Amino acid sequence: MAGDTFITRNAGAVGPKSTAHHTTFIESYGTPLEGIDISTLAEQLRLLKQAMSSEAQDTDQFEAVAAVSAAEDAAKKRDGAAIVAKLKAAGSWAFETATKIGVSVAAEAIKKALGLG
């Protein structure tokens, strides 16, 4: 009807007597890992895990090591969502260590996962 207002997202048809058939919606907002080589990331996460393991001293640091290890496993499976979640859980110590030891791909992935850039 005239004057009706419809606010919608992903609508194939809106309003009285509207129809839609065989409709597909694809949304892409990019990924935090866009531009990151996953194979290189997996290798660098292995190196990061080793470095962090040798430095870990408290529960939070050991949990960060475990998160990096899980992110490495996710990278081997090419599971982007899991990589991001685990790198976010690894936190700033993982980012600082990655930067310090020069694993730039891992540092960039952690930075992106933490929403730092």
N, C-alpha and C. Protein backbone atom coordinates (compact mmCIF):
# COMPACT_ATOMS: atom_id res chain seq x y z
N MET A 1 0.84 -1.18 0.00
CA MET A 1 0.00 0.00 0.00
C MET A 1 0.88 1.24 0.00
N ALA A 2 0.38 2.28 -0.52
CA ALA A 2 1.13 3.53 -0.55
C ALA A 2 1.39 3.98 0.88
N GLY A 3 2.60 4.42 1.11
CA GLY A 3 2.95 4.91 2.43
C GLY A 3 3.55 3.86 3.34
N ASP A 4 3.48 2.57 2.93
CA ASP A 4 4.11 1.53 3.75
C ASP A 4 5.62 1.71 3.69
N THR A 5 6.25 1.40 4.80
CA THR A 5 7.71 1.47 4.86
C THR A 5 8.23 0.09 5.19
N PHE A 6 9.21 -0.35 4.44
CA PHE A 6 9.82 -1.65 4.67
C PHE A 6 11.32 -1.45 4.85
N ILE A 7 11.81 -1.88 5.98
CA ILE A 7 13.25 -1.86 6.23
C ILE A 7 13.68 -3.31 6.31
N THR A 8 14.54 -3.68 5.41
CA THR A 8 14.91 -5.09 5.34
C THR A 8 16.34 -5.25 4.89
N ARG A 9 16.77 -6.44 5.01
CA ARG A 9 18.11 -6.81 4.56
C ARG A 9 17.98 -8.18 3.91
N ASN A 10 18.62 -8.37 2.78
CA ASN A 10 18.56 -9.65 2.09
C ASN A 10 17.13 -10.06 1.75
N ALA A 11 16.42 -9.20 1.14
CA ALA A 11 15.04 -9.52 0.77
C ALA A 11 14.93 -9.66 -0.74
N GLY A 12 14.36 -10.76 -1.17
CA GLY A 12 14.15 -10.96 -2.59
C GLY A 12 12.89 -10.28 -3.07
N ALA A 13 11.94 -10.12 -2.18
CA ALA A 13 10.69 -9.45 -2.49
C ALA A 13 10.13 -8.87 -1.20
N VAL A 14 9.58 -7.67 -1.28
CA VAL A 14 9.07 -7.01 -0.08
C VAL A 14 7.75 -6.34 -0.44
N GLY A 15 6.81 -6.46 0.46
CA GLY A 15 5.55 -5.74 0.29
C GLY A 15 4.40 -6.66 -0.05
N PRO A 16 3.22 -6.09 -0.05
CA PRO A 16 2.02 -6.88 -0.33
C PRO A 16 2.09 -7.56 -1.69
N LYS A 17 1.72 -8.83 -1.70
CA LYS A 17 1.66 -9.65 -2.91
C LYS A 17 3.01 -9.85 -3.59
N SER A 18 4.10 -9.62 -2.88
CA SER A 18 5.43 -9.84 -3.46
C SER A 18 5.77 -11.32 -3.40
N THR A 19 6.53 -11.76 -4.37
CA THR A 19 7.00 -13.14 -4.37
C THR A 19 8.44 -13.17 -4.88
N ALA A 20 9.14 -14.22 -4.49
CA ALA A 20 10.49 -14.44 -4.98
C ALA A 20 10.70 -15.94 -5.08
N HIS A 21 11.37 -16.36 -6.11
CA HIS A 21 11.62 -17.78 -6.32
C HIS A 21 13.09 -17.99 -6.67
N HIS A 22 13.63 -19.12 -6.23
CA HIS A 22 15.00 -19.52 -6.59
C HIS A 22 15.99 -18.38 -6.32
N THR A 23 15.96 -17.87 -5.12
CA THR A 23 16.79 -16.73 -4.75
C THR A 23 17.95 -17.18 -3.87
N THR A 24 19.11 -16.68 -4.16
CA THR A 24 20.30 -16.96 -3.37
C THR A 24 20.93 -15.65 -2.95
N PHE A 25 21.30 -15.55 -1.68
CA PHE A 25 21.98 -14.37 -1.18
C PHE A 25 23.38 -14.77 -0.74
N ILE A 26 24.34 -14.02 -1.18
CA ILE A 26 25.72 -14.27 -0.78
C ILE A 26 26.27 -12.95 -0.25
N GLU A 27 26.72 -12.98 1.00
CA GLU A 27 27.31 -11.79 1.58
C GLU A 27 28.77 -12.06 1.82
N SER A 28 29.56 -11.06 1.56
CA SER A 28 30.98 -11.19 1.84
C SER A 28 31.47 -9.88 2.43
N TYR A 29 31.96 -9.97 3.64
CA TYR A 29 32.50 -8.79 4.29
C TYR A 29 34.02 -8.88 4.36
N GLY A 30 34.60 -9.80 3.61
CA GLY A 30 36.03 -10.02 3.72
C GLY A 30 36.29 -10.87 4.95
N THR A 31 37.51 -11.17 5.15
CA THR A 31 37.88 -11.98 6.30
C THR A 31 39.05 -11.31 6.98
N PRO A 32 39.16 -11.47 8.27
CA PRO A 32 40.32 -10.89 8.95
C PRO A 32 41.64 -11.43 8.41
N LEU A 33 41.61 -12.58 7.77
CA LEU A 33 42.84 -13.19 7.25
C LEU A 33 43.08 -12.89 5.77
N GLU A 34 42.30 -11.99 5.22
CA GLU A 34 42.45 -11.64 3.81
C GLU A 34 43.88 -11.19 3.55
N GLY A 35 44.49 -11.78 2.52
CA GLY A 35 45.85 -11.43 2.16
C GLY A 35 46.92 -12.21 2.91
N ILE A 36 46.52 -13.13 3.78
CA ILE A 36 47.47 -13.93 4.57
C ILE A 36 47.61 -15.30 3.91
N ASP A 37 48.85 -15.71 3.66
CA ASP A 37 49.10 -17.05 3.11
C ASP A 37 48.98 -18.05 4.26
N ILE A 38 47.98 -18.92 4.18
CA ILE A 38 47.66 -19.84 5.28
C ILE A 38 48.77 -20.87 5.49
N SER A 39 49.40 -21.32 4.43
CA SER A 39 50.50 -22.29 4.59
C SER A 39 51.68 -21.67 5.34
N THR A 40 52.02 -20.46 4.97
CA THR A 40 53.09 -19.74 5.68
C THR A 40 52.68 -19.48 7.11
N LEU A 41 51.42 -19.12 7.31
CA LEU A 41 50.91 -18.87 8.66
C LEU A 41 51.07 -20.11 9.53
N ALA A 42 50.71 -21.27 9.01
CA ALA A 42 50.81 -22.51 9.79
C ALA A 42 52.25 -22.75 10.23
N GLU A 43 53.19 -22.56 9.33
CA GLU A 43 54.61 -22.76 9.66
C GLU A 43 55.08 -21.75 10.70
N GLN A 44 54.69 -20.50 10.53
CA GLN A 44 55.10 -19.48 11.47
C GLN A 44 54.44 -19.65 12.84
N LEU A 45 53.23 -20.16 12.87
CA LEU A 45 52.59 -20.45 14.16
C LEU A 45 53.32 -21.56 14.89
N ARG A 46 53.86 -22.52 14.15
CA ARG A 46 54.66 -23.58 14.76
C ARG A 46 55.89 -22.98 15.44
N LEU A 47 56.57 -22.08 14.73
CA LEU A 47 57.75 -21.42 15.28
C LEU A 47 57.38 -20.54 16.49
N LEU A 48 56.27 -19.84 16.38
CA LEU A 48 55.80 -19.01 17.48
C LEU A 48 55.47 -19.85 18.70
N LYS A 49 54.81 -20.96 18.48
CA LYS A 49 54.46 -21.87 19.59
C LYS A 49 55.72 -22.33 20.31
N GLN A 50 56.74 -22.68 19.55
CA GLN A 50 58.00 -23.13 20.16
C GLN A 50 58.63 -22.02 21.00
N ALA A 51 58.67 -20.82 20.46
CA ALA A 51 59.26 -19.69 21.18
C ALA A 51 58.47 -19.37 22.44
N MET A 52 57.16 -19.37 22.33
CA MET A 52 56.32 -19.06 23.48
C MET A 52 56.43 -20.15 24.54
N SER A 53 56.51 -21.41 24.10
CA SER A 53 56.62 -22.53 25.04
C SER A 53 57.86 -22.39 25.91
N SER A 54 58.95 -21.93 25.31
CA SER A 54 60.19 -21.83 26.07
C SER A 54 60.19 -20.64 27.04
N GLU A 55 59.27 -19.68 26.83
CA GLU A 55 59.21 -18.49 27.68
C GLU A 55 58.05 -18.50 28.67
N ALA A 56 57.06 -19.34 28.45
CA ALA A 56 55.85 -19.31 29.28
C ALA A 56 56.18 -19.58 30.74
N GLN A 57 55.56 -18.75 31.62
CA GLN A 57 55.83 -18.86 33.05
C GLN A 57 54.57 -18.93 33.90
N ASP A 58 53.46 -18.49 33.38
CA ASP A 58 52.25 -18.49 34.20
C ASP A 58 51.07 -19.07 33.41
N THR A 59 49.97 -19.23 34.09
CA THR A 59 48.79 -19.87 33.48
C THR A 59 48.34 -19.14 32.22
N ASP A 60 48.27 -17.83 32.27
CA ASP A 60 47.83 -17.07 31.09
C ASP A 60 48.75 -17.31 29.90
N GLN A 61 50.03 -17.38 30.14
CA GLN A 61 50.97 -17.61 29.05
C GLN A 61 50.86 -19.03 28.51
N PHE A 62 50.67 -20.01 29.38
CA PHE A 62 50.49 -21.38 28.90
C PHE A 62 49.18 -21.51 28.11
N GLU A 63 48.16 -20.78 28.51
CA GLU A 63 46.90 -20.78 27.75
C GLU A 63 47.10 -20.13 26.38
N ALA A 64 47.92 -19.10 26.32
CA ALA A 64 48.23 -18.46 25.04
C ALA A 64 48.98 -19.43 24.13
N VAL A 65 49.91 -20.21 24.69
CA VAL A 65 50.63 -21.22 23.91
C VAL A 65 49.64 -22.23 23.35
N ALA A 66 48.70 -22.67 24.18
CA ALA A 66 47.69 -23.64 23.73
C ALA A 66 46.84 -23.04 22.61
N ALA A 67 46.50 -21.77 22.73
CA ALA A 67 45.69 -21.11 21.69
C ALA A 67 46.46 -21.02 20.37
N VAL A 68 47.74 -20.72 20.45
CA VAL A 68 48.57 -20.66 19.24
C VAL A 68 48.67 -22.05 18.61
N SER A 69 48.81 -23.06 19.45
CA SER A 69 48.86 -24.44 18.96
C SER A 69 47.56 -24.81 18.25
N ALA A 70 46.44 -24.42 18.84
CA ALA A 70 45.14 -24.69 18.23
C ALA A 70 44.98 -23.91 16.92
N ALA A 71 45.50 -22.68 16.88
CA ALA A 71 45.45 -21.89 15.64
C ALA A 71 46.30 -22.55 14.56
N GLU A 72 47.45 -23.11 14.96
CA GLU A 72 48.29 -23.84 14.01
C GLU A 72 47.53 -25.02 13.42
N ASP A 73 46.86 -25.79 14.28
CA ASP A 73 46.06 -26.93 13.80
C ASP A 73 44.96 -26.45 12.85
N ALA A 74 44.30 -25.35 13.21
CA ALA A 74 43.24 -24.81 12.35
C ALA A 74 43.80 -24.34 11.01
N ALA A 75 45.00 -23.78 11.03
CA ALA A 75 45.64 -23.34 9.77
C ALA A 75 45.94 -24.52 8.88
N LYS A 76 46.37 -25.62 9.48
CA LYS A 76 46.64 -26.83 8.68
C LYS A 76 45.36 -27.35 8.04
N LYS A 77 44.22 -27.11 8.69
CA LYS A 77 42.91 -27.53 8.15
C LYS A 77 42.29 -26.44 7.29
N ARG A 78 42.96 -25.29 7.22
CA ARG A 78 42.47 -24.13 6.46
C ARG A 78 41.11 -23.65 6.96
N ASP A 79 40.91 -23.69 8.26
CA ASP A 79 39.67 -23.27 8.91
C ASP A 79 39.82 -21.84 9.40
N GLY A 80 39.50 -20.90 8.53
CA GLY A 80 39.72 -19.48 8.81
C GLY A 80 39.05 -18.98 10.07
N ALA A 81 37.80 -19.37 10.31
CA ALA A 81 37.09 -18.90 11.50
C ALA A 81 37.77 -19.39 12.77
N ALA A 82 38.22 -20.64 12.77
CA ALA A 82 38.89 -21.18 13.95
C ALA A 82 40.25 -20.52 14.15
N ILE A 83 40.96 -20.25 13.06
CA ILE A 83 42.25 -19.57 13.17
C ILE A 83 42.06 -18.23 13.88
N VAL A 84 41.11 -17.45 13.41
CA VAL A 84 40.87 -16.12 13.97
C VAL A 84 40.48 -16.23 15.44
N ALA A 85 39.58 -17.15 15.77
CA ALA A 85 39.13 -17.29 17.16
C ALA A 85 40.29 -17.67 18.08
N LYS A 86 41.13 -18.59 17.63
CA LYS A 86 42.25 -19.04 18.47
C LYS A 86 43.32 -17.96 18.58
N LEU A 87 43.59 -17.24 17.51
CA LEU A 87 44.57 -16.17 17.59
C LEU A 87 44.09 -15.03 18.47
N LYS A 88 42.80 -14.78 18.44
CA LYS A 88 42.24 -13.77 19.34
C LYS A 88 42.43 -14.21 20.79
N ALA A 89 42.20 -15.49 21.06
CA ALA A 89 42.39 -16.03 22.41
C ALA A 89 43.85 -16.00 22.83
N ALA A 90 44.76 -16.10 21.87
CA ALA A 90 46.20 -16.08 22.19
C ALA A 90 46.62 -14.73 22.76
N GLY A 91 45.99 -13.67 22.29
CA GLY A 91 46.19 -12.37 22.90
C GLY A 91 47.45 -11.62 22.54
N SER A 92 47.67 -10.55 23.29
CA SER A 92 48.73 -9.61 22.98
C SER A 92 50.13 -10.18 23.21
N TRP A 93 50.30 -11.10 24.17
CA TRP A 93 51.62 -11.69 24.37
C TRP A 93 52.05 -12.45 23.12
N ALA A 94 51.13 -13.14 22.48
CA ALA A 94 51.44 -13.85 21.24
C ALA A 94 51.86 -12.86 20.15
N PHE A 95 51.16 -11.74 20.07
CA PHE A 95 51.51 -10.72 19.08
C PHE A 95 52.89 -10.16 19.36
N GLU A 96 53.16 -9.83 20.62
CA GLU A 96 54.46 -9.28 20.99
C GLU A 96 55.59 -10.27 20.70
N THR A 97 55.37 -11.54 21.02
CA THR A 97 56.39 -12.56 20.78
C THR A 97 56.60 -12.77 19.28
N ALA A 98 55.52 -12.81 18.52
CA ALA A 98 55.62 -12.98 17.06
C ALA A 98 56.43 -11.84 16.45
N THR A 99 56.18 -10.64 16.91
CA THR A 99 56.91 -9.47 16.42
C THR A 99 58.38 -9.57 16.81
N LYS A 100 58.63 -9.97 18.05
CA LYS A 100 60.00 -10.06 18.56
C LYS A 100 60.83 -11.10 17.80
N ILE A 101 60.23 -12.25 17.47
CA ILE A 101 61.01 -13.31 16.81
C ILE A 101 60.98 -13.20 15.28
N GLY A 102 60.24 -12.25 14.76
CA GLY A 102 60.26 -11.97 13.33
C GLY A 102 59.39 -12.85 12.46
N VAL A 103 58.34 -13.43 13.02
CA VAL A 103 57.39 -14.19 12.19
C VAL A 103 56.27 -13.22 11.78
N SER A 104 56.54 -12.50 10.72
CA SER A 104 55.69 -11.37 10.34
C SER A 104 54.29 -11.77 9.88
N VAL A 105 54.17 -12.91 9.23
CA VAL A 105 52.84 -13.35 8.78
C VAL A 105 51.98 -13.69 10.00
N ALA A 106 52.56 -14.39 10.96
CA ALA A 106 51.83 -14.71 12.19
C ALA A 106 51.49 -13.44 12.96
N ALA A 107 52.44 -12.52 13.05
CA ALA A 107 52.18 -11.25 13.75
C ALA A 107 51.03 -10.50 13.10
N GLU A 108 51.02 -10.45 11.78
CA GLU A 108 49.94 -9.75 11.07
C GLU A 108 48.60 -10.43 11.30
N ALA A 109 48.58 -11.76 11.26
CA ALA A 109 47.32 -12.49 11.49
C ALA A 109 46.80 -12.25 12.90
N ILE A 110 47.68 -12.26 13.88
CA ILE A 110 47.27 -12.01 15.27
C ILE A 110 46.77 -10.59 15.40
N LYS A 111 47.48 -9.66 14.80
CA LYS A 111 47.08 -8.25 14.82
C LYS A 111 45.66 -8.09 14.27
N LYS A 112 45.41 -8.73 13.15
CA LYS A 112 44.07 -8.66 12.54
C LYS A 112 43.03 -9.33 13.43
N ALA A 113 43.37 -10.49 14.00
CA ALA A 113 42.43 -11.20 14.85
C ALA A 113 42.06 -10.40 16.10
N LEU A 114 43.04 -9.65 16.60
CA LEU A 114 42.80 -8.82 17.78
C LEU A 114 42.13 -7.50 17.44
N GLY A 115 41.94 -7.25 16.14
CA GLY A 115 41.29 -6.02 15.70
C GLY A 115 42.19 -4.80 15.82
N LEU A 116 43.49 -5.02 15.74
CA LEU A 116 44.44 -3.92 15.88
C LEU A 116 44.82 -3.29 14.55
N GLY A 117 44.32 -3.85 13.47
CA GLY A 117 44.66 -3.23 12.20
C GLY A 117 44.40 -4.06 11.01
